[in-house]
Amino acid sequence: MSDRVVAVGSAVTYVDPRGQARDAVVTAVWGTPEERPAINVVFVSDDESRHDVYGRQIERATSVVHRTMQPAPGNFWFTA
């Protein structure tokens, strides 16, 4: 596990509530790096029907905790 500091614009891996890992970009950081902060992320939808003139639509997840803080098998983030 990396201890890389995350900031707005950082690339992270977000694991959704179904346990699917996705590439994501940080849009907000809540807390300090030492606390392994909660973050907001944006990622490309995996639903092929969610398409518009700009391409595949995006989805957001908010208040996502680091994997070390999440006992559930999804809805967390980490860096490589």
Protein backbone atom coordinates (compact mmCIF):
# COMPACT_ATOMS: atom_id res chain seq x y z
CA MET A 1 0.00 0.00 0.00
CA SER A 2 1.31 3.41 -0.91
CA ASP A 3 1.42 6.33 1.47
CA ARG A 4 1.18 8.80 -1.38
CA VAL A 5 -0.57 12.02 -0.39
CA VAL A 6 -3.77 12.70 -2.31
CA ALA A 7 -4.99 16.09 -3.40
CA VAL A 8 -7.63 17.42 -5.76
CA GLY A 9 -6.71 16.07 -9.20
CA SER A 10 -4.89 12.99 -7.90
CA ALA A 11 -5.55 9.64 -9.56
CA VAL A 12 -6.74 6.91 -7.17
CA THR A 13 -8.41 3.54 -7.35
CA TYR A 14 -12.00 3.64 -6.13
CA VAL A 15 -13.69 0.35 -5.23
CA ASP A 16 -17.44 0.77 -5.59
CA PRO A 17 -20.07 -0.79 -3.27
CA ARG A 18 -20.22 -3.86 -5.56
CA GLY A 19 -16.46 -4.40 -5.14
CA GLN A 20 -15.50 -3.27 -8.66
CA ALA A 21 -12.23 -1.33 -8.84
CA ARG A 22 -12.27 1.76 -11.04
CA ASP A 23 -9.83 4.50 -11.98
CA ALA A 24 -10.97 7.76 -10.40
CA VAL A 25 -9.92 11.38 -9.92
CA VAL A 26 -10.12 13.16 -6.57
CA THR A 27 -12.45 16.20 -6.53
CA ALA A 28 -12.34 17.02 -2.79
CA VAL A 29 -10.32 15.98 0.26
CA TRP A 30 -11.79 15.89 3.78
CA GLY A 31 -9.15 15.68 6.52
CA THR A 32 -5.37 15.61 6.65
CA PRO A 33 -3.01 13.24 4.82
CA GLU A 34 -1.95 11.70 8.14
CA GLU A 35 -5.57 10.68 8.78
CA ARG A 36 -5.96 8.92 5.41
CA PRO A 37 -8.70 11.40 4.49
CA ALA A 38 -12.15 10.82 3.12
CA ILE A 39 -12.40 12.02 -0.47
CA ASN A 40 -14.89 12.73 -3.24
CA VAL A 41 -14.15 11.13 -6.61
CA VAL A 42 -15.38 11.16 -10.18
CA PHE A 43 -15.14 8.19 -12.56
CA VAL A 44 -16.44 7.02 -15.93
CA SER A 45 -19.69 5.06 -15.77
CA ASP A 46 -19.44 1.39 -16.71
CA ASP A 47 -23.05 1.46 -17.97
CA GLU A 48 -22.77 1.62 -21.77
CA SER A 49 -26.26 3.11 -22.02
CA ARG A 50 -25.09 6.20 -20.09
CA HIS A 51 -23.76 8.00 -23.16
CA ASP A 52 -24.36 11.54 -24.39
CA VAL A 53 -22.83 13.99 -26.87
CA TYR A 54 -19.76 14.32 -24.65
CA GLY A 55 -19.12 10.55 -24.50
CA ARG A 56 -19.64 8.15 -21.63
CA GLN A 57 -21.16 9.93 -18.65
CA ILE A 58 -19.37 10.35 -15.36
CA GLU A 59 -20.45 9.29 -11.90
CA ARG A 60 -19.46 10.62 -8.51
CA ALA A 61 -18.91 9.11 -5.09
CA THR A 62 -18.66 11.26 -1.98
CA SER A 63 -17.14 10.86 1.47
CA VAL A 64 -15.20 7.77 0.37
CA VAL A 65 -12.88 6.50 3.11
CA HIS A 66 -9.45 4.91 2.70
CA ARG A 67 -9.44 1.10 2.53
CA THR A 68 -7.74 0.88 5.94
CA MET A 69 -10.79 2.59 7.45
CA GLN A 70 -13.47 0.51 5.68
CA PRO A 71 -14.39 -2.95 7.00
CA ALA A 72 -16.81 -3.54 4.11
CA PRO A 73 -15.53 -5.06 0.82
CA GLY A 74 -16.36 -1.91 -1.16
CA ASN A 75 -16.84 1.87 -1.17
CA PHE A 76 -13.22 2.79 -0.41
CA TRP A 77 -10.15 4.23 -2.13
CA PHE A 78 -6.44 3.49 -2.29
CA THR A 79 -3.37 4.48 -4.29
CA ALA A 80 -1.00 2.16 -6.07
